[in-house]
């Protein structure tokens, strides 16, 4: 039987998210593999994969807040806003840690970001990074994102300071843009020299398997797969009896009295097996995804 469930991978530097998906497909013989949120090649850390029916549930993982540890060099900008890009600006920026702390305060909460040209966002049907490869730059509308937590966790001073910060942010946040915008608030530019995703919702990188370990021992893949319900821990679970469970597996529209939930919720049977994800829509409770 093909592997199915969620797999937490600790992605190494130099791999694209697509590379990791392709490798896991090969290791498991499972064609249906996807991921819950891209990591750039230079970034490391948690990549959540969905195998089999879990691919239909990845959007619920992708929508939860994510935590990163980022290291930025102030005073130097690149065309990609990270270390993989070509340097475009350099100007000494000997800021003090106290100045950085003040700047960070203005980036907590709701903020606006302009996506980088080297992103996969589509404008007029074209991905920005494809335009960037052709040397084109177009105007991009700002997008609203939310910064739940932002703190400096390391600082190395000098003409081109290295600032390390921890950020918990909403889905769709570009941490490299955040670093450059923080430097911009201090009168300069910045780019990321390192980025590590440490958590997606309640799923931690500490529970992830290094990709290299899976390549060396493919049995680690199936041994570490989370069940469909365990991978959706952040949705909250609602247990139903067998009679209601059968109706749910048929995608029945229910009343709030039968299934008293509001936001998307993982509906499970008495053994904890995922049956579906349901949510309140007006006067009814309807299926978002039925697993069967």
C-alpha atoms as a PDB file:
ATOM      1  CA  UNK A   1       0.000   0.000   0.000  1.00  0.00           C
ATOM      2  CA  UNK A   2       1.440   3.436  -0.929  1.00  0.00           C
ATOM      3  CA  UNK A   3       2.694   5.596   1.926  1.00  0.00           C
ATOM      4  CA  UNK A   4       0.106   8.089   3.208  1.00  0.00           C
ATOM      5  CA  UNK A   5       0.131  10.890   5.774  1.00  0.00           C
ATOM      6  CA  UNK A   6       2.289  13.861   6.676  1.00  0.00           C
ATOM      7  CA  UNK A   7       6.089  13.789   6.685  1.00  0.00           C
ATOM      8  CA  UNK A   8       8.208  16.402   8.472  1.00  0.00           C
ATOM      9  CA  UNK A   9      11.483  16.929   6.613  1.00  0.00           C
ATOM     10  CA  UNK A  10      14.460  18.987   7.760  1.00  0.00           C
ATOM     11  CA  UNK A  11      15.503  20.464   4.416  1.00  0.00           C
ATOM     12  CA  UNK A  12      19.215  21.096   3.842  1.00  0.00           C
ATOM     13  CA  UNK A  13      20.654  24.174   2.158  1.00  0.00           C
ATOM     14  CA  UNK A  14      20.883  23.977  -1.630  1.00  0.00           C
ATOM     15  CA  UNK A  15      17.761  21.901  -2.220  1.00  0.00           C
ATOM     16  CA  UNK A  16      14.567  23.355  -3.663  1.00  0.00           C
ATOM     17  CA  UNK A  17      11.257  22.294  -2.163  1.00  0.00           C
ATOM     18  CA  UNK A  18      10.467  20.612  -5.482  1.00  0.00           C
ATOM     19  CA  UNK A  19      13.745  18.648  -5.239  1.00  0.00           C
ATOM     20  CA  UNK A  20      12.674  17.317  -1.840  1.00  0.00           C
ATOM     21  CA  UNK A  21       9.230  16.340  -3.134  1.00  0.00           C
ATOM     22  CA  UNK A  22      10.807  14.503  -6.078  1.00  0.00           C
ATOM     23  CA  UNK A  23      13.250  12.670  -3.795  1.00  0.00           C
ATOM     24  CA  UNK A  24      10.477  11.513  -1.435  1.00  0.00           C
ATOM     25  CA  UNK A  25       8.419  10.346  -4.408  1.00  0.00           C
ATOM     26  CA  UNK A  26      11.338   8.182  -5.425  1.00  0.00           C
ATOM     27  CA  UNK A  27      12.004   6.886  -1.919  1.00  0.00           C
ATOM     28  CA  UNK A  28       8.392   5.916  -1.266  1.00  0.00           C
ATOM     29  CA  UNK A  29       7.149   5.034  -4.728  1.00  0.00           C
ATOM     30  CA  UNK A  30       4.236   7.392  -4.031  1.00  0.00           C
ATOM     31  CA  UNK A  31       3.260   9.627  -6.917  1.00  0.00           C
ATOM     32  CA  UNK A  32       1.017  11.955  -4.915  1.00  0.00           C
ATOM     33  CA  UNK A  33       3.414  14.076  -2.826  1.00  0.00           C
ATOM     34  CA  UNK A  34       3.151  17.815  -2.175  1.00  0.00           C
ATOM     35  CA  UNK A  35       4.416  20.369   0.342  1.00  0.00           C
ATOM     36  CA  UNK A  36       2.858  22.979   2.636  1.00  0.00           C
ATOM     37  CA  UNK A  37       4.829  26.106   1.806  1.00  0.00           C
ATOM     38  CA  UNK A  38       7.969  26.613  -0.245  1.00  0.00           C
ATOM     39  CA  UNK A  39      11.412  27.098   1.258  1.00  0.00           C
ATOM     40  CA  UNK A  40      13.981  28.893  -0.890  1.00  0.00           C
ATOM     41  CA  UNK A  41      17.064  26.847  -1.858  1.00  0.00           C
ATOM     42  CA  UNK A  42      19.350  28.678   0.611  1.00  0.00           C
ATOM     43  CA  UNK A  43      16.885  28.157   3.479  1.00  0.00           C
ATOM     44  CA  UNK A  44      16.922  25.152   5.787  1.00  0.00           C
ATOM     45  CA  UNK A  45      14.453  23.669   8.222  1.00  0.00           C
ATOM     46  CA  UNK A  46      10.939  22.367   8.346  1.00  0.00           C
ATOM     47  CA  UNK A  47       9.210  21.329   5.149  1.00  0.00           C
ATOM     48  CA  UNK A  48       5.884  19.563   5.706  1.00  0.00           C
ATOM     49  CA  UNK A  49       5.052  17.057   2.983  1.00  0.00           C
ATOM     50  CA  UNK A  50       1.707  15.417   2.316  1.00  0.00           C
ATOM     51  CA  UNK A  51       1.630  11.915   0.831  1.00  0.00           C
ATOM     52  CA  UNK A  52      -1.404  10.302  -0.764  1.00  0.00           C
ATOM     53  CA  UNK A  53      -4.703  11.693   0.496  1.00  0.00           C
ATOM     54  CA  UNK A  54      -2.778  14.116   2.736  1.00  0.00           C
ATOM     55  CA  UNK A  55      -2.035  16.238  -0.349  1.00  0.00           C
ATOM     56  CA  UNK A  56      -5.675  17.350  -0.246  1.00  0.00           C
ATOM     57  CA  UNK A  57      -5.177  18.591   3.321  1.00  0.00           C
ATOM     58  CA  UNK A  58      -1.961  20.561   2.880  1.00  0.00           C
ATOM     59  CA  UNK A  59      -3.744  23.903   2.594  1.00  0.00           C
ATOM     60  CA  UNK A  60      -4.857  23.617   6.222  1.00  0.00           C
ATOM     61  CA  UNK A  61      -1.214  23.250   7.286  1.00  0.00           C
ATOM     62  CA  UNK A  62      -0.029  26.011   4.980  1.00  0.00           C
ATOM     63  CA  UNK A  63      -2.447  28.565   6.443  1.00  0.00           C
ATOM     64  CA  UNK A  64      -1.138  28.431  10.041  1.00  0.00           C
ATOM     65  CA  UNK A  65       1.592  30.776  11.401  1.00  0.00           C
ATOM     66  CA  UNK A  66       5.229  29.876  10.788  1.00  0.00           C
ATOM     67  CA  UNK A  67       8.364  30.512  12.847  1.00  0.00           C
ATOM     68  CA  UNK A  68      11.799  31.333  11.410  1.00  0.00           C
ATOM     69  CA  UNK A  69      15.268  32.187  12.625  1.00  0.00           C
ATOM     70  CA  UNK A  70      16.791  34.640  10.150  1.00  0.00           C
ATOM     71  CA  UNK A  71      20.257  36.159   9.883  1.00  0.00           C
ATOM     72  CA  UNK A  72      20.583  39.365   7.882  1.00  0.00           C
ATOM     73  CA  UNK A  73      23.563  41.461   6.839  1.00  0.00           C
ATOM     74  CA  UNK A  74      22.796  45.153   6.989  1.00  0.00           C
ATOM     75  CA  UNK A  75      24.327  47.549   4.473  1.00  0.00           C
ATOM     76  CA  UNK A  76      24.402  45.083   1.565  1.00  0.00           C
ATOM     77  CA  UNK A  77      21.520  44.386  -0.838  1.00  0.00           C
ATOM     78  CA  UNK A  78      21.193  41.663  -3.474  1.00  0.00           C
ATOM     79  CA  UNK A  79      18.758  41.284  -6.351  1.00  0.00           C
ATOM     80  CA  UNK A  80      17.062  38.344  -4.616  1.00  0.00           C
ATOM     81  CA  UNK A  81      17.318  39.802  -1.093  1.00  0.00           C
ATOM     82  CA  UNK A  82      19.262  36.718  -0.013  1.00  0.00           C
ATOM     83  CA  UNK A  83      22.750  35.259  -0.294  1.00  0.00           C
ATOM     84  CA  UNK A  84      21.955  33.429  -3.536  1.00  0.00           C
ATOM     85  CA  UNK A  85      21.592  36.716  -5.394  1.00  0.00           C
ATOM     86  CA  UNK A  86      23.977  39.217  -6.981  1.00  0.00           C
ATOM     87  CA  UNK A  87      25.059  42.210  -4.911  1.00  0.00           C
ATOM     88  CA  UNK A  88      23.349  45.405  -6.063  1.00  0.00           C
ATOM     89  CA  UNK A  89      24.103  47.910  -3.291  1.00  0.00           C
ATOM     90  CA  UNK A  90      26.704  48.341  -0.576  1.00  0.00           C
ATOM     91  CA  UNK A  91      26.829  51.178   1.923  1.00  0.00           C
ATOM     92  CA  UNK A  92      28.236  51.086   5.447  1.00  0.00           C
ATOM     93  CA  UNK A  93      25.523  50.876   8.078  1.00  0.00           C
ATOM     94  CA  UNK A  94      27.068  50.850  11.570  1.00  0.00           C
ATOM     95  CA  UNK A  95      23.808  50.779  13.526  1.00  0.00           C
ATOM     96  CA  UNK A  96      23.614  49.956  17.223  1.00  0.00           C
ATOM     97  CA  UNK A  97      21.529  47.073  18.585  1.00  0.00           C
ATOM     98  CA  UNK A  98      19.308  49.564  20.385  1.00  0.00           C
ATOM     99  CA  UNK A  99      18.400  51.142  17.050  1.00  0.00           C
ATOM    100  CA  UNK A 100      17.493  47.780  15.617  1.00  0.00           C
ATOM    101  CA  UNK A 101      15.253  47.041  18.604  1.00  0.00           C
ATOM    102  CA  UNK A 102      13.362  50.294  18.022  1.00  0.00           C
ATOM    103  CA  UNK A 103      12.930  49.465  14.332  1.00  0.00           C
ATOM    104  CA  UNK A 104      11.641  45.964  15.091  1.00  0.00           C
ATOM    105  CA  UNK A 105       8.780  47.366  17.184  1.00  0.00           C
ATOM    106  CA  UNK A 106       7.222  49.017  14.142  1.00  0.00           C
ATOM    107  CA  UNK A 107       7.048  45.700  12.266  1.00  0.00           C
ATOM    108  CA  UNK A 108       4.970  43.780  14.812  1.00  0.00           C
ATOM    109  CA  UNK A 109       1.294  43.299  14.021  1.00  0.00           C
ATOM    110  CA  UNK A 110      -0.320  43.997  10.652  1.00  0.00           C
ATOM    111  CA  UNK A 111       2.126  45.268   8.040  1.00  0.00           C
ATOM    112  CA  UNK A 112       2.259  45.743   4.265  1.00  0.00           C
ATOM    113  CA  UNK A 113       4.880  44.012   2.125  1.00  0.00           C
ATOM    114  CA  UNK A 114       5.815  44.354  -1.526  1.00  0.00           C
ATOM    115  CA  UNK A 115       6.703  40.848  -2.770  1.00  0.00           C
ATOM    116  CA  UNK A 116      10.203  40.466  -4.224  1.00  0.00           C
ATOM    117  CA  UNK A 117      10.585  40.042  -7.969  1.00  0.00           C
ATOM    118  CA  UNK A 118      12.148  36.633  -7.321  1.00  0.00           C
ATOM    119  CA  UNK A 119       8.920  35.146  -5.960  1.00  0.00           C
ATOM    120  CA  UNK A 120       6.380  32.742  -7.430  1.00  0.00           C
ATOM    121  CA  UNK A 121       3.464  35.174  -7.205  1.00  0.00           C
ATOM    122  CA  UNK A 122       1.613  35.596 -10.477  1.00  0.00           C
ATOM    123  CA  UNK A 123       0.723  39.009 -11.895  1.00  0.00           C
ATOM    124  CA  UNK A 124      -1.243  39.073 -15.146  1.00  0.00           C
ATOM    125  CA  UNK A 125      -0.671  35.331 -15.443  1.00  0.00           C
ATOM    126  CA  UNK A 126       3.119  35.495 -15.182  1.00  0.00           C
ATOM    127  CA  UNK A 127       5.255  34.411 -12.252  1.00  0.00           C
ATOM    128  CA  UNK A 128       7.446  37.212 -10.955  1.00  0.00           C
ATOM    129  CA  UNK A 129      10.605  35.119 -10.924  1.00  0.00           C
ATOM    130  CA  UNK A 130      10.150  34.323 -14.611  1.00  0.00           C
ATOM    131  CA  UNK A 131      10.026  38.045 -15.386  1.00  0.00           C
ATOM    132  CA  UNK A 132      13.066  38.624 -13.152  1.00  0.00           C
ATOM    133  CA  UNK A 133      15.048  36.013 -15.096  1.00  0.00           C
ATOM    134  CA  UNK A 134      14.400  38.065 -18.232  1.00  0.00           C
ATOM    135  CA  UNK A 135      15.686  41.160 -16.500  1.00  0.00           C
ATOM    136  CA  UNK A 136      12.238  42.700 -16.156  1.00  0.00           C
ATOM    137  CA  UNK A 137      10.872  44.450 -13.093  1.00  0.00           C
ATOM    138  CA  UNK A 138       7.238  45.451 -12.721  1.00  0.00           C
ATOM    139  CA  UNK A 139       5.192  47.250 -10.114  1.00  0.00           C
ATOM    140  CA  UNK A 140       3.849  44.867  -7.473  1.00  0.00           C
ATOM    141  CA  UNK A 141       0.906  45.669  -5.213  1.00  0.00           C
ATOM    142  CA  UNK A 142       1.590  45.529  -1.485  1.00  0.00           C
ATOM    143  CA  UNK A 143       0.131  42.615   0.454  1.00  0.00           C
ATOM    144  CA  UNK A 144      -1.063  42.553   4.052  1.00  0.00           C
ATOM    145  CA  UNK A 145       0.647  40.085   6.378  1.00  0.00           C
ATOM    146  CA  UNK A 146       0.746  39.693  10.149  1.00  0.00           C
ATOM    147  CA  UNK A 147       3.834  39.502  12.368  1.00  0.00           C
ATOM    148  CA  UNK A 148       2.860  37.766  15.605  1.00  0.00           C
ATOM    149  CA  UNK A 149       6.290  37.842  17.235  1.00  0.00           C
ATOM    150  CA  UNK A 150       9.565  39.530  16.271  1.00  0.00           C
ATOM    151  CA  UNK A 151      12.670  39.665  18.425  1.00  0.00           C
ATOM    152  CA  UNK A 152      16.403  40.127  17.940  1.00  0.00           C
ATOM    153  CA  UNK A 153      18.326  37.083  19.157  1.00  0.00           C
ATOM    154  CA  UNK A 154      21.831  37.950  17.952  1.00  0.00           C
ATOM    155  CA  UNK A 155      23.891  40.962  16.890  1.00  0.00           C
ATOM    156  CA  UNK A 156      27.412  41.366  15.502  1.00  0.00           C
ATOM    157  CA  UNK A 157      28.328  45.020  15.075  1.00  0.00           C
ATOM    158  CA  UNK A 158      30.546  46.718  12.521  1.00  0.00           C
ATOM    159  CA  UNK A 159      30.182  48.619   9.282  1.00  0.00           C
ATOM    160  CA  UNK A 160      27.993  45.799   7.939  1.00  0.00           C
ATOM    161  CA  UNK A 161      26.263  44.374  11.025  1.00  0.00           C
ATOM    162  CA  UNK A 162      24.868  40.852  11.171  1.00  0.00           C
ATOM    163  CA  UNK A 163      21.476  40.804  12.847  1.00  0.00           C
ATOM    164  CA  UNK A 164      19.752  37.572  13.837  1.00  0.00           C
ATOM    165  CA  UNK A 165      16.050  37.630  14.607  1.00  0.00           C
ATOM    166  CA  UNK A 166      13.221  35.224  15.374  1.00  0.00           C
ATOM    167  CA  UNK A 167       9.896  35.850  13.697  1.00  0.00           C
ATOM    168  CA  UNK A 168       6.488  34.201  13.887  1.00  0.00           C
ATOM    169  CA  UNK A 169       4.435  35.333  10.920  1.00  0.00           C
ATOM    170  CA  UNK A 170       1.344  34.632   8.867  1.00  0.00           C
ATOM    171  CA  UNK A 171       1.360  32.564   5.728  1.00  0.00           C
ATOM    172  CA  UNK A 172       2.546  34.567   2.736  1.00  0.00           C
ATOM    173  CA  UNK A 173       5.150  36.596   4.631  1.00  0.00           C
ATOM    174  CA  UNK A 174       8.506  37.057   2.882  1.00  0.00           C
ATOM    175  CA  UNK A 175      11.168  37.057   5.584  1.00  0.00           C
ATOM    176  CA  UNK A 176      13.817  38.375   3.162  1.00  0.00           C
ATOM    177  CA  UNK A 177      11.562  41.337   2.406  1.00  0.00           C
ATOM    178  CA  UNK A 178      11.003  41.832   6.132  1.00  0.00           C
ATOM    179  CA  UNK A 179      14.767  41.981   6.736  1.00  0.00           C
ATOM    180  CA  UNK A 180      15.253  44.534   3.953  1.00  0.00           C
ATOM    181  CA  UNK A 181      12.323  46.614   5.209  1.00  0.00           C
ATOM    182  CA  UNK A 182      13.728  46.647   8.758  1.00  0.00           C
ATOM    183  CA  UNK A 183      17.033  47.908   7.380  1.00  0.00           C
ATOM    184  CA  UNK A 184      15.092  50.425   5.287  1.00  0.00           C
ATOM    185  CA  UNK A 185      13.540  51.849   8.449  1.00  0.00           C
ATOM    186  CA  UNK A 186      17.118  52.519   9.585  1.00  0.00           C
ATOM    187  CA  UNK A 187      18.124  54.203   6.342  1.00  0.00           C
ATOM    188  CA  UNK A 188      19.793  51.299   4.548  1.00  0.00           C
ATOM    189  CA  UNK A 189      19.361  47.914   2.890  1.00  0.00           C
ATOM    190  CA  UNK A 190      19.863  44.282   3.924  1.00  0.00           C
ATOM    191  CA  UNK A 191      19.806  40.718   2.642  1.00  0.00           C
ATOM    192  CA  UNK A 192      19.469  37.335   4.322  1.00  0.00           C
ATOM    193  CA  UNK A 193      22.600  35.251   4.764  1.00  0.00           C
ATOM    194  CA  UNK A 194      20.751  32.420   6.514  1.00  0.00           C
ATOM    195  CA  UNK A 195      17.155  31.381   7.103  1.00  0.00           C
ATOM    196  CA  UNK A 196      15.788  28.415   9.022  1.00  0.00           C
ATOM    197  CA  UNK A 197      12.119  27.505   9.431  1.00  0.00           C
ATOM    198  CA  UNK A 198      11.700  26.112  12.924  1.00  0.00           C
ATOM    199  CA  UNK A 199       7.947  25.589  13.218  1.00  0.00           C
ATOM    200  CA  UNK A 200       4.706  25.460  11.218  1.00  0.00           C
ATOM    201  CA  UNK A 201       1.832  25.863  13.652  1.00  0.00           C
ATOM    202  CA  UNK A 202       2.531  23.297  16.370  1.00  0.00           C
ATOM    203  CA  UNK A 203       4.682  21.095  14.108  1.00  0.00           C
ATOM    204  CA  UNK A 204       8.354  21.620  15.131  1.00  0.00           C
ATOM    205  CA  UNK A 205      11.535  21.116  13.158  1.00  0.00           C
ATOM    206  CA  UNK A 206      12.786  19.098  16.155  1.00  0.00           C
ATOM    207  CA  UNK A 207      10.349  16.394  15.072  1.00  0.00           C
ATOM    208  CA  UNK A 208      11.559  16.420  11.460  1.00  0.00           C
ATOM    209  CA  UNK A 209      13.864  13.905   9.797  1.00  0.00           C
ATOM    210  CA  UNK A 210      16.950  15.294   8.037  1.00  0.00           C
ATOM    211  CA  UNK A 211      16.677  14.640   4.317  1.00  0.00           C
ATOM    212  CA  UNK A 212      20.150  13.093   4.290  1.00  0.00           C
ATOM    213  CA  UNK A 213      19.054  10.523   6.892  1.00  0.00           C
ATOM    214  CA  UNK A 214      16.105   9.470   4.741  1.00  0.00           C
ATOM    215  CA  UNK A 215      18.313   9.103   1.679  1.00  0.00           C
ATOM    216  CA  UNK A 216      20.742   6.904   3.653  1.00  0.00           C
ATOM    217  CA  UNK A 217      17.919   4.821   5.165  1.00  0.00           C
ATOM    218  CA  UNK A 218      14.660   4.993   3.160  1.00  0.00           C
ATOM    219  CA  UNK A 219      12.818   3.035   5.861  1.00  0.00           C
ATOM    220  CA  UNK A 220      12.968   6.242   7.942  1.00  0.00           C
ATOM    221  CA  UNK A 221      10.372   7.737   5.616  1.00  0.00           C
ATOM    222  CA  UNK A 222       7.516   5.339   6.361  1.00  0.00           C
ATOM    223  CA  UNK A 223       8.560   5.058  10.006  1.00  0.00           C
ATOM    224  CA  UNK A 224       8.224   8.806  10.573  1.00  0.00           C
ATOM    225  CA  UNK A 225       4.955   9.505   8.728  1.00  0.00           C
ATOM    226  CA  UNK A 226       2.265  11.208  10.814  1.00  0.00           C
ATOM    227  CA  UNK A 227      -1.351  10.147  10.448  1.00  0.00           C
ATOM    228  CA  UNK A 228      -3.820  12.421   8.698  1.00  0.00           C
ATOM    229  CA  UNK A 229      -5.333  13.510  12.012  1.00  0.00           C
ATOM    230  CA  UNK A 230      -1.970  14.077  13.755  1.00  0.00           C
ATOM    231  CA  UNK A 231      -0.818  16.299  10.900  1.00  0.00           C
ATOM    232  CA  UNK A 232      -3.865  18.520  11.415  1.00  0.00           C
ATOM    233  CA  UNK A 233      -3.324  19.074  15.133  1.00  0.00           C
ATOM    234  CA  UNK A 234      -3.769  22.852  14.765  1.00  0.00           C
ATOM    235  CA  UNK A 235      -7.292  22.576  13.375  1.00  0.00           C
ATOM    236  CA  UNK A 236      -8.778  21.146  16.534  1.00  0.00           C
ATOM    237  CA  UNK A 237     -10.575  17.782  16.504  1.00  0.00           C
ATOM    238  CA  UNK A 238     -14.199  16.814  16.957  1.00  0.00           C
ATOM    239  CA  UNK A 239     -15.073  13.149  17.596  1.00  0.00           C
ATOM    240  CA  UNK A 240     -18.308  11.720  16.182  1.00  0.00           C
ATOM    241  CA  UNK A 241     -20.139   8.407  16.615  1.00  0.00           C
ATOM    242  CA  UNK A 242     -20.409   5.762  13.914  1.00  0.00           C
ATOM    243  CA  UNK A 243     -23.835   6.856  12.635  1.00  0.00           C
ATOM    244  CA  UNK A 244     -22.824  10.470  12.136  1.00  0.00           C
ATOM    245  CA  UNK A 245     -19.453   9.326  10.837  1.00  0.00           C
ATOM    246  CA  UNK A 246     -21.115   7.430   8.001  1.00  0.00           C
ATOM    247  CA  UNK A 247     -23.029  10.554   6.967  1.00  0.00           C
ATOM    248  CA  UNK A 248     -19.856  12.607   7.118  1.00  0.00           C
ATOM    249  CA  UNK A 249     -18.035  10.151   4.861  1.00  0.00           C
ATOM    250  CA  UNK A 250     -20.803  10.762   2.312  1.00  0.00           C
ATOM    251  CA  UNK A 251     -20.237  14.534   2.545  1.00  0.00           C
ATOM    252  CA  UNK A 252     -23.618  15.280   4.116  1.00  0.00           C
ATOM    253  CA  UNK A 253     -24.515  18.856   4.960  1.00  0.00           C
ATOM    254  CA  UNK A 254     -25.189  19.020   8.695  1.00  0.00           C
ATOM    255  CA  UNK A 255     -26.805  21.391  11.146  1.00  0.00           C
ATOM    256  CA  UNK A 256     -24.874  23.213  13.884  1.00  0.00           C
ATOM    257  CA  UNK A 257     -26.785  21.102  16.404  1.00  0.00           C
ATOM    258  CA  UNK A 258     -25.368  17.927  14.872  1.00  0.00           C
ATOM    259  CA  UNK A 259     -21.825  19.261  14.464  1.00  0.00           C
ATOM    260  CA  UNK A 260     -21.293  22.335  16.688  1.00  0.00           C
ATOM    261  CA  UNK A 261     -18.194  23.865  15.076  1.00  0.00           C
ATOM    262  CA  UNK A 262     -17.375  27.167  13.391  1.00  0.00           C
ATOM    263  CA  UNK A 263     -13.925  27.229  11.800  1.00  0.00           C
ATOM    264  CA  UNK A 264     -12.414  24.326   9.807  1.00  0.00           C
ATOM    265  CA  UNK A 265     -12.195  21.361  12.163  1.00  0.00           C
ATOM    266  CA  UNK A 266     -10.827  17.827  11.793  1.00  0.00           C
ATOM    267  CA  UNK A 267     -13.711  15.408  12.315  1.00  0.00           C
ATOM    268  CA  UNK A 268     -12.509  12.022  13.606  1.00  0.00           C
ATOM    269  CA  UNK A 269     -14.042   8.699  14.589  1.00  0.00           C
ATOM    270  CA  UNK A 270     -13.763   7.035  17.992  1.00  0.00           C
ATOM    271  CA  UNK A 271     -10.317   5.677  17.146  1.00  0.00           C
ATOM    272  CA  UNK A 272      -8.993   9.097  16.141  1.00  0.00           C
ATOM    273  CA  UNK A 273      -9.030   8.401  12.399  1.00  0.00           C
ATOM    274  CA  UNK A 274      -9.690  11.447  10.229  1.00  0.00           C
ATOM    275  CA  UNK A 275     -12.996  11.342   8.356  1.00  0.00           C
ATOM    276  CA  UNK A 276     -13.188  14.864   6.972  1.00  0.00           C
ATOM    277  CA  UNK A 277     -12.615  18.558   7.579  1.00  0.00           C
ATOM    278  CA  UNK A 278     -15.857  20.479   8.145  1.00  0.00           C
ATOM    279  CA  UNK A 279     -16.620  24.163   8.738  1.00  0.00           C
ATOM    280  CA  UNK A 280     -19.637  26.393   9.388  1.00  0.00           C
ATOM    281  CA  UNK A 281     -21.029  28.152   6.313  1.00  0.00           C
ATOM    282  CA  UNK A 282     -23.990  30.313   7.176  1.00  0.00           C
ATOM    283  CA  UNK A 283     -26.725  28.174   8.704  1.00  0.00           C
ATOM    284  CA  UNK A 284     -25.091  24.898   7.683  1.00  0.00           C
ATOM    285  CA  UNK A 285     -21.967  22.900   8.516  1.00  0.00           C
ATOM    286  CA  UNK A 286     -20.413  21.673   5.277  1.00  0.00           C
ATOM    287  CA  UNK A 287     -17.432  19.562   4.265  1.00  0.00           C
ATOM    288  CA  UNK A 288     -14.216  21.264   3.198  1.00  0.00           C
ATOM    289  CA  UNK A 289     -12.549  17.921   2.422  1.00  0.00           C
ATOM    290  CA  UNK A 290     -13.874  14.383   2.845  1.00  0.00           C
ATOM    291  CA  UNK A 291     -11.037  11.918   3.258  1.00  0.00           C
ATOM    292  CA  UNK A 292     -12.784   8.779   1.964  1.00  0.00           C
END
